[in-house]
Amino acid sequence: THAVLTHRRDKGFYVSPFIGMAMQYRFRLRVPGEKLSVMIRETASEEADAELLIATLTGQRRPLRDRTLLLAFIRYPLMTLKVMAGIHFEALRLWRKGATFYSRDSLAAGQSEQKSEQVTGR
C-alpha cells in the first residue's frame, strides 16, 4: 500500500465561467508507485458536502523515453482538440440551461478587494 496525501487550498485562479471564486479545492494523491491516483474535489468554501466538481486521474507508470512519447503522439494526435471541444460543448449546455455566468473581469475585481481586506484586517 502507498501513503495518501491530502491538501486543501482556497481557489485562487479563474477556472470556469460557471463556478465562482468562493470555492475550495481538496486534493487527494496516492504517492506514486506503479500506479498514479489523483482526485480533486471543488467545494463551496468550508462545506465539504457541497461538491460542485470532482476530477480524477489514474495511470500506469511508463518509462519516459523518446519512443514512448512518439507512440503517445501517434496514438492520440487530436486528444487536446477533443478535450477542448468537450469542454466547450459542456459550457454550451450549461449556458443553454441558464447557469450563472461569472465573468473574469468581475471576479478579478472582487478578488483584489478581498485580498486588501485580508491585509488591512491583520
PDB file of N, CA and C in Angstrom:
ATOM      1  N   THR A   1       0.845  -1.193   0.000  1.00  0.00           N
ATOM      2  CA  THR A   1       0.000   0.000   0.000  1.00  0.00           C
ATOM      3  C   THR A   1       0.879   1.241   0.000  1.00  0.00           C
ATOM      4  N   HIS A   2       0.343   2.291  -0.570  1.00  0.00           N
ATOM      5  CA  HIS A   2       1.070   3.556  -0.659  1.00  0.00           C
ATOM      6  C   HIS A   2       0.401   4.601   0.213  1.00  0.00           C
ATOM      7  N   ALA A   3       1.195   5.539   0.681  1.00  0.00           N
ATOM      8  CA  ALA A   3       0.664   6.625   1.504  1.00  0.00           C
ATOM      9  C   ALA A   3      -0.255   7.510   0.670  1.00  0.00           C
ATOM     10  N   VAL A   4      -1.226   8.104   1.346  1.00  0.00           N
ATOM     11  CA  VAL A   4      -2.150   9.026   0.696  1.00  0.00           C
ATOM     12  C   VAL A   4      -1.904  10.421   1.255  1.00  0.00           C
ATOM     13  N   LEU A   5      -1.706  11.379   0.372  1.00  0.00           N
ATOM     14  CA  LEU A   5      -1.516  12.771   0.764  1.00  0.00           C
ATOM     15  C   LEU A   5      -2.807  13.531   0.499  1.00  0.00           C
ATOM     16  N   THR A   6      -3.195  14.398   1.426  1.00  0.00           N
ATOM     17  CA  THR A   6      -4.369  15.238   1.222  1.00  0.00           C
ATOM     18  C   THR A   6      -3.976  16.688   1.464  1.00  0.00           C
ATOM     19  N   HIS A   7      -4.643  17.578   0.767  1.00  0.00           N
ATOM     20  CA  HIS A   7      -4.344  19.006   0.900  1.00  0.00           C
ATOM     21  C   HIS A   7      -5.591  19.801   0.543  1.00  0.00           C
ATOM     22  N   ARG A   8      -5.793  20.924   1.227  1.00  0.00           N
ATOM     23  CA  ARG A   8      -6.890  21.846   0.927  1.00  0.00           C
ATOM     24  C   ARG A   8      -6.309  23.178   0.511  1.00  0.00           C
ATOM     25  N   ARG A   9      -6.965  23.823  -0.435  1.00  0.00           N
ATOM     26  CA  ARG A   9      -6.487  25.123  -0.911  1.00  0.00           C
ATOM     27  C   ARG A   9      -7.679  25.944  -1.381  1.00  0.00           C
ATOM     28  N   ASP A  10      -7.761  27.193  -0.911  1.00  0.00           N
ATOM     29  CA  ASP A  10      -8.790  28.091  -1.414  1.00  0.00           C
ATOM     30  C   ASP A  10      -8.530  28.362  -2.887  1.00  0.00           C
ATOM     31  N   LYS A  11      -9.610  28.505  -3.641  1.00  0.00           N
ATOM     32  CA  LYS A  11      -9.490  28.774  -5.066  1.00  0.00           C
ATOM     33  C   LYS A  11      -8.835  30.131  -5.255  1.00  0.00           C
ATOM     34  N   GLY A  12      -7.792  30.190  -6.059  1.00  0.00           N
ATOM     35  CA  GLY A  12      -7.056  31.428  -6.243  1.00  0.00           C
ATOM     36  C   GLY A  12      -6.926  31.855  -7.692  1.00  0.00           C
ATOM     37  N   PHE A  13      -7.565  31.115  -8.607  1.00  0.00           N
ATOM     38  CA  PHE A  13      -7.477  31.493 -10.009  1.00  0.00           C
ATOM     39  C   PHE A  13      -8.774  31.128 -10.720  1.00  0.00           C
ATOM     40  N   TYR A  14      -9.045  31.832 -11.788  1.00  0.00           N
ATOM     41  CA  TYR A  14     -10.267  31.668 -12.577  1.00  0.00           C
ATOM     42  C   TYR A  14     -10.153  30.395 -13.410  1.00  0.00           C
ATOM     43  N   VAL A  15     -11.110  29.485 -13.238  1.00  0.00           N
ATOM     44  CA  VAL A  15     -11.075  28.228 -13.972  1.00  0.00           C
ATOM     45  C   VAL A  15     -12.245  28.122 -14.939  1.00  0.00           C
ATOM     46  N   SER A  16     -13.437  28.421 -14.459  1.00  0.00           N
ATOM     47  CA  SER A  16     -14.650  28.236 -15.251  1.00  0.00           C
ATOM     48  C   SER A  16     -15.566  29.442 -15.110  1.00  0.00           C
ATOM     49  N   PRO A  17     -16.216  29.856 -16.194  1.00  0.00           N
ATOM     50  CA  PRO A  17     -17.159  30.970 -16.081  1.00  0.00           C
ATOM     51  C   PRO A  17     -18.456  30.572 -15.381  1.00  0.00           C
ATOM     52  N   PHE A  18     -18.595  29.315 -15.012  1.00  0.00           N
ATOM     53  CA  PHE A  18     -19.818  28.845 -14.368  1.00  0.00           C
ATOM     54  C   PHE A  18     -19.630  28.509 -12.891  1.00  0.00           C
ATOM     55  N   ILE A  19     -18.435  28.745 -12.366  1.00  0.00           N
ATOM     56  CA  ILE A  19     -18.166  28.488 -10.948  1.00  0.00           C
ATOM     57  C   ILE A  19     -17.469  29.718 -10.373  1.00  0.00           C
ATOM     58  N   GLY A  20     -18.013  30.271  -9.297  1.00  0.00           N
ATOM     59  CA  GLY A  20     -17.460  31.477  -8.678  1.00  0.00           C
ATOM     60  C   GLY A  20     -16.139  31.215  -7.978  1.00  0.00           C
ATOM     61  N   MET A  21     -15.610  32.240  -7.342  1.00  0.00           N
ATOM     62  CA  MET A  21     -14.301  32.152  -6.703  1.00  0.00           C
ATOM     63  C   MET A  21     -14.354  31.725  -5.239  1.00  0.00           C
ATOM     64  N   ALA A  22     -15.509  31.771  -4.599  1.00  0.00           N
ATOM     65  CA  ALA A  22     -15.604  31.408  -3.175  1.00  0.00           C
ATOM     66  C   ALA A  22     -15.647  29.890  -3.041  1.00  0.00           C
ATOM     67  N   MET A  23     -14.614  29.240  -3.508  1.00  0.00           N
ATOM     68  CA  MET A  23     -14.547  27.782  -3.528  1.00  0.00           C
ATOM     69  C   MET A  23     -13.254  27.310  -2.881  1.00  0.00           C
ATOM     70  N   GLN A  24     -13.200  26.018  -2.656  1.00  0.00           N
ATOM     71  CA  GLN A  24     -12.007  25.407  -2.086  1.00  0.00           C
ATOM     72  C   GLN A  24     -11.733  24.108  -2.831  1.00  0.00           C
ATOM     73  N   TYR A  25     -10.460  23.855  -3.092  1.00  0.00           N
ATOM     74  CA  TYR A  25     -10.047  22.598  -3.711  1.00  0.00           C
ATOM     75  C   TYR A  25      -9.550  21.658  -2.627  1.00  0.00           C
ATOM     76  N   ARG A  26      -9.935  20.405  -2.728  1.00  0.00           N
ATOM     77  CA  ARG A  26      -9.447  19.358  -1.831  1.00  0.00           C
ATOM     78  C   ARG A  26      -8.746  18.311  -2.700  1.00  0.00           C
ATOM     79  N   PHE A  27      -7.455  18.165  -2.479  1.00  0.00           N
ATOM     80  CA  PHE A  27      -6.640  17.258  -3.281  1.00  0.00           C
ATOM     81  C   PHE A  27      -6.395  15.966  -2.511  1.00  0.00           C
ATOM     82  N   ARG A  28      -6.418  14.859  -3.218  1.00  0.00           N
ATOM     83  CA  ARG A  28      -6.082  13.555  -2.640  1.00  0.00           C
ATOM     84  C   ARG A  28      -5.164  12.865  -3.646  1.00  0.00           C
ATOM     85  N   LEU A  29      -3.959  12.563  -3.213  1.00  0.00           N
ATOM     86  CA  LEU A  29      -2.952  11.979  -4.093  1.00  0.00           C
ATOM     87  C   LEU A  29      -2.360  10.750  -3.431  1.00  0.00           C
ATOM     88  N   ARG A  30      -2.434   9.638  -4.124  1.00  0.00           N
ATOM     89  CA  ARG A  30      -1.751   8.434  -3.649  1.00  0.00           C
ATOM     90  C   ARG A  30      -0.310   8.541  -4.129  1.00  0.00           C
ATOM     91  N   VAL A  31       0.639   8.429  -3.203  1.00  0.00           N
ATOM     92  CA  VAL A  31       2.051   8.571  -3.554  1.00  0.00           C
ATOM     93  C   VAL A  31       2.358   7.597  -4.691  1.00  0.00           C
ATOM     94  N   PRO A  32       2.880   8.112  -5.810  1.00  0.00           N
ATOM     95  CA  PRO A  32       3.060   7.272  -6.992  1.00  0.00           C
ATOM     96  C   PRO A  32       4.004   6.101  -6.770  1.00  0.00           C
ATOM     97  N   GLY A  33       3.589   4.953  -7.256  1.00  0.00           N
ATOM     98  CA  GLY A  33       4.397   3.748  -7.327  1.00  0.00           C
ATOM     99  C   GLY A  33       4.295   3.289  -8.770  1.00  0.00           C
ATOM    100  N   GLU A  34       3.750   2.103  -8.975  1.00  0.00           N
ATOM    101  CA  GLU A  34       3.480   1.639 -10.335  1.00  0.00           C
ATOM    102  C   GLU A  34       2.223   2.289 -10.896  1.00  0.00           C
ATOM    103  N   LYS A  35       1.367   2.795 -10.012  1.00  0.00           N
ATOM    104  CA  LYS A  35       0.134   3.465 -10.434  1.00  0.00           C
ATOM    105  C   LYS A  35       0.075   4.859  -9.837  1.00  0.00           C
ATOM    106  N   LEU A  36      -0.626   5.747 -10.530  1.00  0.00           N
ATOM    107  CA  LEU A  36      -0.848   7.111 -10.070  1.00  0.00           C
ATOM    108  C   LEU A  36      -2.343   7.289  -9.854  1.00  0.00           C
ATOM    109  N   SER A  37      -2.707   7.941  -8.774  1.00  0.00           N
ATOM    110  CA  SER A  37      -4.114   8.209  -8.488  1.00  0.00           C
ATOM    111  C   SER A  37      -4.237   9.597  -7.869  1.00  0.00           C
ATOM    112  N   VAL A  38      -4.976  10.488  -8.545  1.00  0.00           N
ATOM    113  CA  VAL A  38      -5.181  11.855  -8.073  1.00  0.00           C
ATOM    114  C   VAL A  38      -6.674  12.150  -8.118  1.00  0.00           C
ATOM    115  N   MET A  39      -7.194  12.781  -7.061  1.00  0.00           N
ATOM    116  CA  MET A  39      -8.581  13.228  -7.050  1.00  0.00           C
ATOM    117  C   MET A  39      -8.611  14.673  -6.570  1.00  0.00           C
ATOM    118  N   ILE A  40      -9.368  15.500  -7.276  1.00  0.00           N
ATOM    119  CA  ILE A  40      -9.553  16.899  -6.887  1.00  0.00           C
ATOM    120  C   ILE A  40     -11.048  17.137  -6.750  1.00  0.00           C
ATOM    121  N   ARG A  41     -11.446  17.625  -5.581  1.00  0.00           N
ATOM    122  CA  ARG A  41     -12.850  17.967  -5.335  1.00  0.00           C
ATOM    123  C   ARG A  41     -12.936  19.472  -5.155  1.00  0.00           C
ATOM    124  N   GLU A  42     -13.878  20.098  -5.853  1.00  0.00           N
ATOM    125  CA  GLU A  42     -14.109  21.532  -5.680  1.00  0.00           C
ATOM    126  C   GLU A  42     -15.393  21.691  -4.883  1.00  0.00           C
ATOM    127  N   THR A  43     -15.263  22.354  -3.737  1.00  0.00           N
ATOM    128  CA  THR A  43     -16.404  22.522  -2.837  1.00  0.00           C
ATOM    129  C   THR A  43     -16.652  24.001  -2.564  1.00  0.00           C
ATOM    130  N   ALA A  44     -17.860  24.283  -2.097  1.00  0.00           N
ATOM    131  CA  ALA A  44     -18.213  25.654  -1.728  1.00  0.00           C
ATOM    132  C   ALA A  44     -17.568  25.965  -0.388  1.00  0.00           C
ATOM    133  N   SER A  45     -16.427  26.617  -0.423  1.00  0.00           N
ATOM    134  CA  SER A  45     -15.651  27.008   0.760  1.00  0.00           C
ATOM    135  C   SER A  45     -15.471  25.857   1.736  1.00  0.00           C
ATOM    136  N   GLU A  46     -15.953  26.010   2.967  1.00  0.00           N
ATOM    137  CA  GLU A  46     -15.721  25.008   4.012  1.00  0.00           C
ATOM    138  C   GLU A  46     -16.732  23.864   3.988  1.00  0.00           C
ATOM    139  N   GLU A  47     -17.745  23.942   3.138  1.00  0.00           N
ATOM    140  CA  GLU A  47     -18.797  22.933   3.119  1.00  0.00           C
ATOM    141  C   GLU A  47     -18.351  21.720   2.313  1.00  0.00           C
ATOM    142  N   ALA A  48     -17.798  20.728   2.983  1.00  0.00           N
ATOM    143  CA  ALA A  48     -17.251  19.557   2.298  1.00  0.00           C
ATOM    144  C   ALA A  48     -18.321  18.774   1.551  1.00  0.00           C
ATOM    145  N   ASP A  49     -19.563  18.849   2.009  1.00  0.00           N
ATOM    146  CA  ASP A  49     -20.619  18.076   1.359  1.00  0.00           C
ATOM    147  C   ASP A  49     -21.238  18.819   0.174  1.00  0.00           C
ATOM    148  N   ALA A  50     -20.814  20.046  -0.092  1.00  0.00           N
ATOM    149  CA  ALA A  50     -21.350  20.839  -1.198  1.00  0.00           C
ATOM    150  C   ALA A  50     -20.410  20.758  -2.400  1.00  0.00           C
ATOM    151  N   GLU A  51     -20.172  19.555  -2.903  1.00  0.00           N
ATOM    152  CA  GLU A  51     -19.240  19.363  -4.013  1.00  0.00           C
ATOM    153  C   GLU A  51     -19.852  19.837  -5.323  1.00  0.00           C
ATOM    154  N   LEU A  52     -19.103  20.640  -6.042  1.00  0.00           N
ATOM    155  CA  LEU A  52     -19.537  21.115  -7.352  1.00  0.00           C
ATOM    156  C   LEU A  52     -18.863  20.346  -8.474  1.00  0.00           C
ATOM    157  N   LEU A  53     -17.647  19.897  -8.219  1.00  0.00           N
ATOM    158  CA  LEU A  53     -16.872  19.262  -9.268  1.00  0.00           C
ATOM    159  C   LEU A  53     -15.938  18.228  -8.654  1.00  0.00           C
ATOM    160  N   ILE A  54     -15.854  17.082  -9.289  1.00  0.00           N
ATOM    161  CA  ILE A  54     -14.882  16.057  -8.893  1.00  0.00           C
ATOM    162  C   ILE A  54     -14.114  15.660 -10.152  1.00  0.00           C
ATOM    163  N   ALA A  55     -12.796  15.748 -10.089  1.00  0.00           N
ATOM    164  CA  ALA A  55     -11.946  15.353 -11.209  1.00  0.00           C
ATOM    165  C   ALA A  55     -10.979  14.285 -10.719  1.00  0.00           C
ATOM    166  N   THR A  56     -10.810  13.236 -11.501  1.00  0.00           N
ATOM    167  CA  THR A  56      -9.884  12.171 -11.127  1.00  0.00           C
ATOM    168  C   THR A  56      -8.927  11.882 -12.283  1.00  0.00           C
ATOM    169  N   LEU A  57      -7.778  11.373 -11.920  1.00  0.00           N
ATOM    170  CA  LEU A  57      -6.778  10.959 -12.891  1.00  0.00           C
ATOM    171  C   LEU A  57      -6.123   9.700 -12.345  1.00  0.00           C
ATOM    172  N   THR A  58      -6.071   8.667 -13.149  1.00  0.00           N
ATOM    173  CA  THR A  58      -5.347   7.454 -12.776  1.00  0.00           C
ATOM    174  C   THR A  58      -4.455   7.062 -13.952  1.00  0.00           C
ATOM    175  N   GLY A  59      -3.374   6.399 -13.642  1.00  0.00           N
ATOM    176  CA  GLY A  59      -2.477   5.993 -14.713  1.00  0.00           C
ATOM    177  C   GLY A  59      -1.482   4.948 -14.258  1.00  0.00           C
ATOM    178  N   GLN A  60      -0.864   4.312 -15.228  1.00  0.00           N
ATOM    179  CA  GLN A  60       0.175   3.304 -15.005  1.00  0.00           C
ATOM    180  C   GLN A  60       1.531   3.929 -15.280  1.00  0.00           C
ATOM    181  N   ARG A  61       2.514   3.550 -14.507  1.00  0.00           N
ATOM    182  CA  ARG A  61       3.883   4.036 -14.736  1.00  0.00           C
ATOM    183  C   ARG A  61       4.389   3.491 -16.080  1.00  0.00           C
ATOM    184  N   ARG A  62       5.000   4.372 -16.850  1.00  0.00           N
ATOM    185  CA  ARG A  62       5.628   4.009 -18.115  1.00  0.00           C
ATOM    186  C   ARG A  62       6.989   4.691 -18.162  1.00  0.00           C
ATOM    187  N   PRO A  63       7.967   4.047 -18.778  1.00  0.00           N
ATOM    188  CA  PRO A  63       9.267   4.704 -18.907  1.00  0.00           C
ATOM    189  C   PRO A  63       9.142   5.920 -19.825  1.00  0.00           C
ATOM    190  N   LEU A  64       9.806   7.001 -19.475  1.00  0.00           N
ATOM    191  CA  LEU A  64       9.756   8.224 -20.274  1.00  0.00           C
ATOM    192  C   LEU A  64      10.926   8.203 -21.250  1.00  0.00           C
ATOM    193  N   ARG A  65      10.623   7.730 -22.442  1.00  0.00           N
ATOM    194  CA  ARG A  65      11.635   7.627 -23.494  1.00  0.00           C
ATOM    195  C   ARG A  65      11.099   8.307 -24.751  1.00  0.00           C
ATOM    196  N   ASP A  66      11.984   8.622 -25.666  1.00  0.00           N
ATOM    197  CA  ASP A  66      11.564   9.244 -26.927  1.00  0.00           C
ATOM    198  C   ASP A  66      10.528   8.383 -27.642  1.00  0.00           C
ATOM    199  N   ARG A  67      10.752   7.078 -27.670  1.00  0.00           N
ATOM    200  CA  ARG A  67       9.838   6.159 -28.361  1.00  0.00           C
ATOM    201  C   ARG A  67       8.453   6.180 -27.711  1.00  0.00           C
ATOM    202  N   THR A  68       8.404   6.185 -26.383  1.00  0.00           N
ATOM    203  CA  THR A  68       7.132   6.209 -25.661  1.00  0.00           C
ATOM    204  C   THR A  68       6.357   7.482 -25.984  1.00  0.00           C
ATOM    205  N   LEU A  69       7.052   8.619 -25.985  1.00  0.00           N
ATOM    206  CA  LEU A  69       6.404   9.891 -26.304  1.00  0.00           C
ATOM    207  C   LEU A  69       5.919   9.930 -27.752  1.00  0.00           C
ATOM    208  N   LEU A  70       6.712   9.412 -28.672  1.00  0.00           N
ATOM    209  CA  LEU A  70       6.320   9.377 -30.077  1.00  0.00           C
ATOM    210  C   LEU A  70       5.080   8.506 -30.271  1.00  0.00           C
ATOM    211  N   LEU A  71       5.052   7.339 -29.626  1.00  0.00           N
ATOM    212  CA  LEU A  71       3.879   6.464 -29.734  1.00  0.00           C
ATOM    213  C   LEU A  71       2.625   7.129 -29.172  1.00  0.00           C
ATOM    214  N   ALA A  72       2.768   7.828 -28.065  1.00  0.00           N
ATOM    215  CA  ALA A  72       1.617   8.537 -27.493  1.00  0.00           C
ATOM    216  C   ALA A  72       1.126   9.612 -28.461  1.00  0.00           C
ATOM    217  N   PHE A  73       2.038  10.332 -29.087  1.00  0.00           N
ATOM    218  CA  PHE A  73       1.665  11.370 -30.045  1.00  0.00           C
ATOM    219  C   PHE A  73       0.947  10.765 -31.251  1.00  0.00           C
ATOM    220  N   ILE A  74       1.436   9.622 -31.733  1.00  0.00           N
ATOM    221  CA  ILE A  74       0.818   8.967 -32.890  1.00  0.00           C
ATOM    222  C   ILE A  74      -0.555   8.402 -32.523  1.00  0.00           C
ATOM    223  N   ARG A  75      -0.671   7.805 -31.350  1.00  0.00           N
ATOM    224  CA  ARG A  75      -1.945   7.203 -30.931  1.00  0.00           C
ATOM    225  C   ARG A  75      -3.015   8.245 -30.632  1.00  0.00           C
ATOM    226  N   TYR A  76      -2.610   9.375 -30.099  1.00  0.00           N
ATOM    227  CA  TYR A  76      -3.579  10.387 -29.654  1.00  0.00           C
ATOM    228  C   TYR A  76      -3.268  11.758 -30.255  1.00  0.00           C
ATOM    229  N   PRO A  77      -3.213  11.869 -31.578  1.00  0.00           N
ATOM    230  CA  PRO A  77      -2.786  13.141 -32.170  1.00  0.00           C
ATOM    231  C   PRO A  77      -3.758  14.296 -31.932  1.00  0.00           C
ATOM    232  N   LEU A  78      -5.018  13.998 -31.794  1.00  0.00           N
ATOM    233  CA  LEU A  78      -6.004  15.066 -31.654  1.00  0.00           C
ATOM    234  C   LEU A  78      -6.626  15.102 -30.264  1.00  0.00           C
ATOM    235  N   MET A  79      -5.974  14.483 -29.282  1.00  0.00           N
ATOM    236  CA  MET A  79      -6.540  14.414 -27.936  1.00  0.00           C
ATOM    237  C   MET A  79      -6.784  15.802 -27.349  1.00  0.00           C
ATOM    238  N   THR A  80      -5.855  16.719 -27.524  1.00  0.00           N
ATOM    239  CA  THR A  80      -6.028  18.070 -26.988  1.00  0.00           C
ATOM    240  C   THR A  80      -7.256  18.736 -27.596  1.00  0.00           C
ATOM    241  N   LEU A  81      -7.415  18.602 -28.908  1.00  0.00           N
ATOM    242  CA  LEU A  81      -8.582  19.199 -29.565  1.00  0.00           C
ATOM    243  C   LEU A  81      -9.876  18.544 -29.094  1.00  0.00           C
ATOM    244  N   LYS A  82      -9.850  17.238 -28.880  1.00  0.00           N
ATOM    245  CA  LYS A  82     -11.040  16.533 -28.397  1.00  0.00           C
ATOM    246  C   LYS A  82     -11.429  17.033 -27.003  1.00  0.00           C
ATOM    247  N   VAL A  83     -10.448  17.185 -26.137  1.00  0.00           N
ATOM    248  CA  VAL A  83     -10.723  17.664 -24.774  1.00  0.00           C
ATOM    249  C   VAL A  83     -11.267  19.086 -24.818  1.00  0.00           C
ATOM    250  N   MET A  84     -10.647  19.954 -25.605  1.00  0.00           N
ATOM    251  CA  MET A  84     -11.120  21.339 -25.698  1.00  0.00           C
ATOM    252  C   MET A  84     -12.536  21.405 -26.263  1.00  0.00           C
ATOM    253  N   ALA A  85     -12.823  20.601 -27.277  1.00  0.00           N
ATOM    254  CA  ALA A  85     -14.172  20.577 -27.854  1.00  0.00           C
ATOM    255  C   ALA A  85     -15.180  20.095 -26.814  1.00  0.00           C
ATOM    256  N   GLY A  86     -14.811  19.085 -26.033  1.00  0.00           N
ATOM    257  CA  GLY A  86     -15.698  18.580 -24.986  1.00  0.00           C
ATOM    258  C   GLY A  86     -15.987  19.622 -23.922  1.00  0.00           C
ATOM    259  N   ILE A  87     -14.970  20.363 -23.520  1.00  0.00           N
ATOM    260  CA  ILE A  87     -15.146  21.420 -22.517  1.00  0.00           C
ATOM    261  C   ILE A  87     -16.098  22.492 -23.048  1.00  0.00           C
ATOM    262  N   HIS A  88     -15.900  22.911 -24.284  1.00  0.00           N
ATOM    263  CA  HIS A  88     -16.762  23.948 -24.856  1.00  0.00           C
ATOM    264  C   HIS A  88     -18.187  23.438 -25.092  1.00  0.00           C
ATOM    265  N   PHE A  89     -18.336  22.178 -25.436  1.00  0.00           N
ATOM    266  CA  PHE A  89     -19.670  21.597 -25.602  1.00  0.00           C
ATOM    267  C   PHE A  89     -20.426  21.607 -24.272  1.00  0.00           C
ATOM    268  N   GLU A  90     -19.758  21.205 -23.195  1.00  0.00           N
ATOM    269  CA  GLU A  90     -20.401  21.211 -21.875  1.00  0.00           C
ATOM    270  C   GLU A  90     -20.720  22.639 -21.431  1.00  0.00           C
ATOM    271  N   ALA A  91     -19.838  23.593 -21.752  1.00  0.00           N
ATOM    272  CA  ALA A  91     -20.104  25.000 -21.420  1.00  0.00           C
ATOM    273  C   ALA A  91     -21.340  25.496 -22.163  1.00  0.00           C
ATOM    274  N   LEU A  92     -21.486  25.117 -23.412  1.00  0.00           N
ATOM    275  CA  LEU A  92     -22.670  25.489 -24.189  1.00  0.00           C
ATOM    276  C   LEU A  92     -23.934  24.919 -23.553  1.00  0.00           C
ATOM    277  N   ARG A  93     -23.861  23.678 -23.119  1.00  0.00           N
ATOM    278  CA  ARG A  93     -25.022  23.059 -22.455  1.00  0.00           C
ATOM    279  C   ARG A  93     -25.388  23.803 -21.175  1.00  0.00           C
ATOM    280  N   LEU A  94     -24.387  24.164 -20.370  1.00  0.00           N
ATOM    281  CA  LEU A  94     -24.653  24.916 -19.136  1.00  0.00           C
ATOM    282  C   LEU A  94     -25.250  26.288 -19.449  1.00  0.00           C
ATOM    283  N   TRP A  95     -24.702  26.961 -20.448  1.00  0.00           N
ATOM    284  CA  TRP A  95     -25.194  28.280 -20.838  1.00  0.00           C
ATOM    285  C   TRP A  95     -26.647  28.194 -21.297  1.00  0.00           C
ATOM    286  N   ARG A  96     -26.971  27.166 -22.101  1.00  0.00           N
ATOM    287  CA  ARG A  96     -28.347  26.991 -22.587  1.00  0.00           C
ATOM    288  C   ARG A  96     -29.317  26.686 -21.454  1.00  0.00           C
ATOM    289  N   LYS A  97     -28.830  26.062 -20.395  1.00  0.00           N
ATOM    290  CA  LYS A  97     -29.686  25.768 -19.231  1.00  0.00           C
ATOM    291  C   LYS A  97     -29.867  26.992 -18.341  1.00  0.00           C
ATOM    292  N   GLY A  98     -29.133  28.067 -18.634  1.00  0.00           N
ATOM    293  CA  GLY A  98     -29.267  29.290 -17.853  1.00  0.00           C
ATOM    294  C   GLY A  98     -28.395  29.338 -16.614  1.00  0.00           C
ATOM    295  N   ALA A  99     -27.306  28.586 -16.610  1.00  0.00           N
ATOM    296  CA  ALA A  99     -26.391  28.596 -15.460  1.00  0.00           C
ATOM    297  C   ALA A  99     -25.823  30.002 -15.263  1.00  0.00           C
ATOM    298  N   THR A 100     -25.550  30.358 -14.014  1.00  0.00           N
ATOM    299  CA  THR A 100     -24.964  31.660 -13.701  1.00  0.00           C
ATOM    300  C   THR A 100     -23.600  31.777 -14.373  1.00  0.00           C
ATOM    301  N   PHE A 101     -23.341  32.925 -14.976  1.00  0.00           N
ATOM    302  CA  PHE A 101     -22.077  33.174 -15.662  1.00  0.00           C
ATOM    303  C   PHE A 101     -21.272  34.189 -14.863  1.00  0.00           C
ATOM    304  N   TYR A 102     -20.054  33.828 -14.486  1.00  0.00           N
ATOM    305  CA  TYR A 102     -19.151  34.713 -13.746  1.00  0.00           C
ATOM    306  C   TYR A 102     -18.075  35.194 -14.708  1.00  0.00           C
ATOM    307  N   SER A 103     -18.083  36.486 -15.036  1.00  0.00           N
ATOM    308  CA  SER A 103     -17.068  36.997 -15.962  1.00  0.00           C
ATOM    309  C   SER A 103     -15.725  37.104 -15.240  1.00  0.00           C
ATOM    310  N   ARG A 104     -14.687  36.948 -15.979  1.00  0.00           N
ATOM    311  CA  ARG A 104     -13.335  37.017 -15.418  1.00  0.00           C
ATOM    312  C   ARG A 104     -13.062  38.400 -14.823  1.00  0.00           C
ATOM    313  N   ASP A 105     -13.534  39.457 -15.487  1.00  0.00           N
ATOM    314  CA  ASP A 105     -13.292  40.825 -15.016  1.00  0.00           C
ATOM    315  C   ASP A 105     -13.950  41.093 -13.668  1.00  0.00           C
ATOM    316  N   SER A 106     -15.203  40.672 -13.495  1.00  0.00           N
ATOM    317  CA  SER A 106     -15.888  40.938 -12.223  1.00  0.00           C
ATOM    318  C   SER A 106     -15.261  40.141 -11.087  1.00  0.00           C
ATOM    319  N   LEU A 107     -14.805  38.943 -11.367  1.00  0.00           N
ATOM    320  CA  LEU A 107     -14.167  38.135 -10.327  1.00  0.00           C
ATOM    321  C   LEU A 107     -12.806  38.705  -9.950  1.00  0.00           C
ATOM    322  N   ALA A 108     -12.059  39.194 -10.915  1.00  0.00           N
ATOM    323  CA  ALA A 108     -10.737  39.760 -10.623  1.00  0.00           C
ATOM    324  C   ALA A 108     -10.871  40.983  -9.723  1.00  0.00           C
ATOM    325  N   ALA A 109     -11.871  41.815  -9.963  1.00  0.00           N
ATOM    326  CA  ALA A 109     -12.078  42.999  -9.122  1.00  0.00           C
ATOM    327  C   ALA A 109     -12.430  42.581  -7.702  1.00  0.00           C
ATOM    328  N   GLY A 110     -13.312  41.609  -7.555  1.00  0.00           N
ATOM    329  CA  GLY A 110     -13.698  41.127  -6.230  1.00  0.00           C
ATOM    330  C   GLY A 110     -12.555  40.466  -5.507  1.00  0.00           C
ATOM    331  N   GLN A 111     -11.703  39.771  -6.243  1.00  0.00           N
ATOM    332  CA  GLN A 111     -10.573  39.079  -5.630  1.00  0.00           C
ATOM    333  C   GLN A 111      -9.566  40.080  -5.076  1.00  0.00           C
ATOM    334  N   SER A 112      -9.289  41.163  -5.806  1.00  0.00           N
ATOM    335  CA  SER A 112      -8.315  42.129  -5.301  1.00  0.00           C
ATOM    336  C   SER A 112      -8.862  42.855  -4.079  1.00  0.00           C
ATOM    337  N   GLU A 113     -10.183  43.106  -4.044  1.00  0.00           N
ATOM    338  CA  GLU A 113     -10.784  43.719  -2.859  1.00  0.00           C
ATOM    339  C   GLU A 113     -10.651  42.790  -1.663  1.00  0.00           C
ATOM    340  N   GLN A 114     -10.883  41.508  -1.879  1.00  0.00           N
ATOM    341  CA  GLN A 114     -10.800  40.536  -0.793  1.00  0.00           C
ATOM    342  C   GLN A 114      -9.375  40.485  -0.246  1.00  0.00           C
ATOM    343  N   LYS A 115      -8.390  40.511  -1.114  1.00  0.00           N
ATOM    344  CA  LYS A 115      -7.000  40.473  -0.665  1.00  0.00           C
ATOM    345  C   LYS A 115      -6.666  41.698   0.174  1.00  0.00           C
ATOM    346  N   SER A 116      -7.120  42.874  -0.254  1.00  0.00           N
ATOM    347  CA  SER A 116      -6.792  44.079   0.509  1.00  0.00           C
ATOM    348  C   SER A 116      -7.493  44.069   1.860  1.00  0.00           C
ATOM    349  N   GLU A 117      -8.690  43.483   1.945  1.00  0.00           N
ATOM    350  CA  GLU A 117      -9.370  43.369   3.237  1.00  0.00           C
ATOM    351  C   GLU A 117      -8.564  42.475   4.172  1.00  0.00           C
ATOM    352  N   GLN A 118      -8.021  41.402   3.646  1.00  0.00           N
ATOM    353  CA  GLN A 118      -7.240  40.499   4.482  1.00  0.00           C
ATOM    354  C   GLN A 118      -5.983  41.194   4.995  1.00  0.00           C
ATOM    355  N   VAL A 119      -5.357  41.984   4.160  1.00  0.00           N
ATOM    356  CA  VAL A 119      -4.131  42.673   4.559  1.00  0.00           C
ATOM    357  C   VAL A 119      -4.432  43.716   5.628  1.00  0.00           C
ATOM    358  N   THR A 120      -5.495  44.519   5.435  1.00  0.00           N
ATOM    359  CA  THR A 120      -5.798  45.569   6.407  1.00  0.00           C
ATOM    360  C   THR A 120      -6.403  45.006   7.681  1.00  0.00           C
ATOM    361  N   GLY A 121      -6.923  43.789   7.627  1.00  0.00           N
ATOM    362  CA  GLY A 121      -7.557  43.205   8.809  1.00  0.00           C
ATOM    363  C   GLY A 121      -6.574  42.582   9.782  1.00  0.00           C
ATOM    364  N   ARG A 122      -5.303  42.617   9.492  1.00  0.00           N
ATOM    365  CA  ARG A 122      -4.305  41.977  10.367  1.00  0.00           C
ATOM    366  C   ARG A 122      -4.061  42.766  11.605  1.00  0.00           C
TER     367      ARG A 122
END
